[in-house]
N, C-alpha and C. Protein backbone atom coordinates (compact mmCIF):
# COMPACT_ATOMS: atom_id res chain seq x y z
N MET A 1 -199.88 -46.68 37.46
CA MET A 1 -199.78 -45.84 38.09
C MET A 1 -200.86 -44.49 39.01
N TRP A 2 -201.58 -44.22 39.15
CA TRP A 2 -202.17 -43.73 38.59
C TRP A 2 -202.96 -43.84 40.28
N GLN A 3 -203.37 -44.92 40.69
CA GLN A 3 -203.38 -45.69 41.66
C GLN A 3 -201.86 -46.41 43.07
N GLU A 4 -201.30 -46.03 42.72
CA GLU A 4 -199.74 -46.08 43.90
C GLU A 4 -199.40 -44.40 43.96
N VAL A 5 -200.02 -43.37 43.08
CA VAL A 5 -199.73 -42.27 43.27
C VAL A 5 -200.68 -41.75 44.50
N PHE A 6 -202.22 -41.58 44.32
CA PHE A 6 -203.14 -41.15 44.93
C PHE A 6 -203.10 -42.50 46.36
N ILE A 7 -202.26 -43.36 46.36
CA ILE A 7 -202.81 -44.02 47.73
C ILE A 7 -201.28 -43.89 48.35
N ALA A 8 -200.10 -43.25 47.91
CA ALA A 8 -198.93 -42.59 48.49
C ALA A 8 -199.94 -41.11 48.98
N LEU A 9 -200.08 -40.34 48.24
CA LEU A 9 -201.10 -39.00 49.20
C LEU A 9 -201.65 -38.98 49.94
N CYS A 10 -202.51 -40.55 49.68
CA CYS A 10 -203.35 -41.08 51.51
C CYS A 10 -202.54 -40.63 52.34
N LEU A 11 -201.32 -41.29 51.76
CA LEU A 11 -200.29 -41.88 53.35
C LEU A 11 -200.03 -40.94 53.67
N VAL A 12 -199.21 -39.28 53.17
CA VAL A 12 -198.45 -38.48 53.27
C VAL A 12 -200.05 -37.99 54.52
N PHE A 13 -201.11 -38.33 53.82
CA PHE A 13 -202.40 -37.20 54.59
C PHE A 13 -202.50 -37.82 55.69
N VAL A 14 -202.58 -38.67 55.88
CA VAL A 14 -202.79 -39.67 57.20
C VAL A 14 -201.17 -39.57 58.75
N ILE A 15 -200.04 -39.11 57.79
CA ILE A 15 -198.36 -39.33 58.55
C ILE A 15 -198.81 -37.83 58.65
N GLU A 16 -199.53 -37.16 57.91
CA GLU A 16 -199.10 -35.43 58.45
C GLU A 16 -200.12 -35.60 59.48
N GLY A 17 -200.96 -35.79 59.34
CA GLY A 17 -201.70 -35.66 60.42
C GLY A 17 -202.18 -36.76 62.22
N LEU A 18 -200.53 -36.68 62.13
CA LEU A 18 -200.73 -37.51 63.38
C LEU A 18 -200.20 -36.33 65.13
N LEU A 19 -199.11 -35.82 63.99
CA LEU A 19 -198.71 -34.64 65.50
C LEU A 19 -199.63 -34.32 66.07
N PRO A 20 -200.19 -33.09 64.88
CA PRO A 20 -201.63 -32.51 65.32
C PRO A 20 -202.94 -33.24 66.02
N PHE A 21 -202.80 -34.71 65.81
CA PHE A 21 -203.57 -35.92 66.69
C PHE A 21 -203.30 -35.78 67.77
N ILE A 22 -202.52 -36.27 67.86
CA ILE A 22 -201.68 -37.31 69.49
C ILE A 22 -200.91 -35.75 70.22
N SER A 23 -200.75 -34.52 69.74
CA SER A 23 -200.10 -33.86 70.79
C SER A 23 -200.99 -32.43 69.77
N PRO A 24 -201.92 -32.03 70.38
CA PRO A 24 -201.69 -30.93 69.34
C PRO A 24 -200.65 -29.02 70.25
N ARG A 25 -201.15 -29.22 71.35
CA ARG A 25 -200.14 -28.42 71.50
C ARG A 25 -198.53 -28.26 71.01
N GLN A 26 -198.20 -29.44 71.59
CA GLN A 26 -197.00 -29.58 70.78
C GLN A 26 -196.44 -28.98 68.98
N TRP A 27 -198.03 -29.46 68.60
CA TRP A 27 -197.49 -28.67 67.01
C TRP A 27 -197.56 -27.39 66.97
N LYS A 28 -198.81 -26.80 67.37
CA LYS A 28 -198.37 -25.13 67.69
C LYS A 28 -197.75 -24.72 68.08
N GLN A 29 -197.32 -24.85 68.97
CA GLN A 29 -195.81 -24.76 69.30
C GLN A 29 -194.45 -25.15 67.91
N ALA A 30 -193.95 -26.17 67.53
CA ALA A 30 -193.27 -25.87 66.27
C ALA A 30 -193.85 -25.14 65.28
N LEU A 31 -195.48 -24.43 64.82
CA LEU A 31 -195.49 -24.17 63.95
C LEU A 31 -194.68 -22.70 63.67
N ALA A 32 -195.22 -22.05 65.62
CA ALA A 32 -194.73 -21.07 66.03
C ALA A 32 -193.00 -20.26 65.48
N MET A 33 -192.74 -21.71 66.27
CA MET A 33 -191.19 -21.69 65.98
C MET A 33 -190.46 -21.49 64.65
N LEU A 34 -191.35 -22.38 63.74
CA LEU A 34 -191.52 -22.24 62.13
C LEU A 34 -191.53 -20.90 61.29
N ALA A 35 -192.84 -20.37 61.84
CA ALA A 35 -192.55 -18.87 61.60
C ALA A 35 -191.74 -17.75 61.85
N ARG A 36 -191.53 -18.09 62.79
CA ARG A 36 -189.98 -17.42 63.65
C ARG A 36 -188.50 -17.54 62.54
N MET A 37 -189.04 -18.38 61.83
CA MET A 37 -187.97 -19.00 61.38
C MET A 37 -187.05 -17.71 60.10
N GLU A 38 -186.24 -17.71 59.22
CA GLU A 38 -186.11 -17.17 58.07
C GLU A 38 -186.88 -18.34 56.82
N ASP A 39 -187.27 -17.48 55.62
CA ASP A 39 -187.38 -18.37 54.75
C ASP A 39 -186.00 -19.14 54.02
N ARG A 40 -185.03 -18.61 53.87
CA ARG A 40 -183.41 -19.54 53.94
C ARG A 40 -183.79 -20.74 54.41
N LYS A 41 -184.10 -20.92 55.61
CA LYS A 41 -183.67 -22.13 57.06
C LYS A 41 -184.54 -23.08 56.21
N ILE A 42 -185.80 -22.70 55.79
CA ILE A 42 -187.28 -23.74 55.41
C ILE A 42 -186.84 -24.30 54.74
N ARG A 43 -186.44 -22.73 53.36
CA ARG A 43 -186.52 -23.57 51.67
C ARG A 43 -185.10 -25.06 52.40
N MET A 44 -184.26 -24.41 52.72
CA MET A 44 -183.13 -25.90 52.98
C MET A 44 -183.89 -26.66 53.91
N MET A 45 -184.61 -27.14 55.33
CA MET A 45 -185.17 -27.87 55.23
C MET A 45 -185.60 -28.52 53.67
N GLY A 46 -186.70 -28.37 53.41
CA GLY A 46 -187.42 -28.95 52.54
C GLY A 46 -186.56 -29.17 51.55
N LEU A 47 -185.89 -28.91 51.45
CA LEU A 47 -184.72 -29.85 49.65
C LEU A 47 -184.00 -30.73 50.86
N ALA A 48 -183.89 -30.52 52.07
CA ALA A 48 -183.00 -31.19 53.13
C ALA A 48 -184.04 -32.78 52.99
N SER A 49 -185.90 -32.61 53.02
CA SER A 49 -186.81 -33.65 52.92
C SER A 49 -186.13 -34.13 51.61
N MET A 50 -186.62 -33.16 50.60
CA MET A 50 -187.41 -34.01 49.28
C MET A 50 -186.30 -34.78 48.80
N LEU A 51 -184.44 -34.70 49.22
CA LEU A 51 -183.56 -35.56 48.85
C LEU A 51 -183.51 -36.77 49.36
N PHE A 52 -184.00 -36.39 50.90
CA PHE A 52 -183.87 -37.34 51.74
C PHE A 52 -184.60 -38.76 51.07
N GLY A 53 -186.20 -38.05 50.83
CA GLY A 53 -186.99 -38.77 50.62
C GLY A 53 -187.05 -39.63 48.96
N THR A 54 -185.96 -38.62 48.16
CA THR A 54 -185.29 -39.27 46.76
C THR A 54 -184.67 -40.15 47.30
N ALA A 55 -183.95 -39.76 47.78
CA ALA A 55 -182.74 -41.22 48.40
C ALA A 55 -183.22 -42.70 49.02
N LEU A 56 -184.31 -42.45 50.26
CA LEU A 56 -185.15 -43.43 50.08
C LEU A 56 -185.59 -44.58 49.07
N LEU A 57 -186.36 -43.83 48.16
CA LEU A 57 -187.08 -43.83 47.55
C LEU A 57 -186.32 -45.19 46.06
N TYR A 58 -184.89 -44.28 46.21
CA TYR A 58 -184.72 -45.40 45.36
C TYR A 58 -183.03 -46.79 46.13
N LEU A 59 -183.55 -46.51 48.03
CA LEU A 59 -183.11 -47.57 48.12
C LEU A 59 -183.86 -48.52 47.92
N VAL A 60 -185.53 -47.93 48.73
CA VAL A 60 -185.98 -49.32 48.35
C VAL A 60 -186.39 -50.16 47.65
N ARG A 61 -186.32 -49.22 46.03
CA ARG A 61 -186.95 -49.53 45.17
C ARG A 61 -185.85 -49.57 44.41
C-alpha cells in the first residue's frame, strides 16, 4: 500500500510541474491572481477540488 501512496505522490509532483514547465508566464499570472483572491474563495476551491478528486476515485475504484 505504501508503494501506491508514494507513486500517487510522485504523479502529483509531475502533474503540478507541467504548467510551470510548459507556460511559466501564465503560471506566474495565475499565482498573482490567486494571491489577490479572498481566503474564503481559495478554501472553497480547495474543498471543491478535494470533493471532485474523492468522487473521481470512487468512480474509478
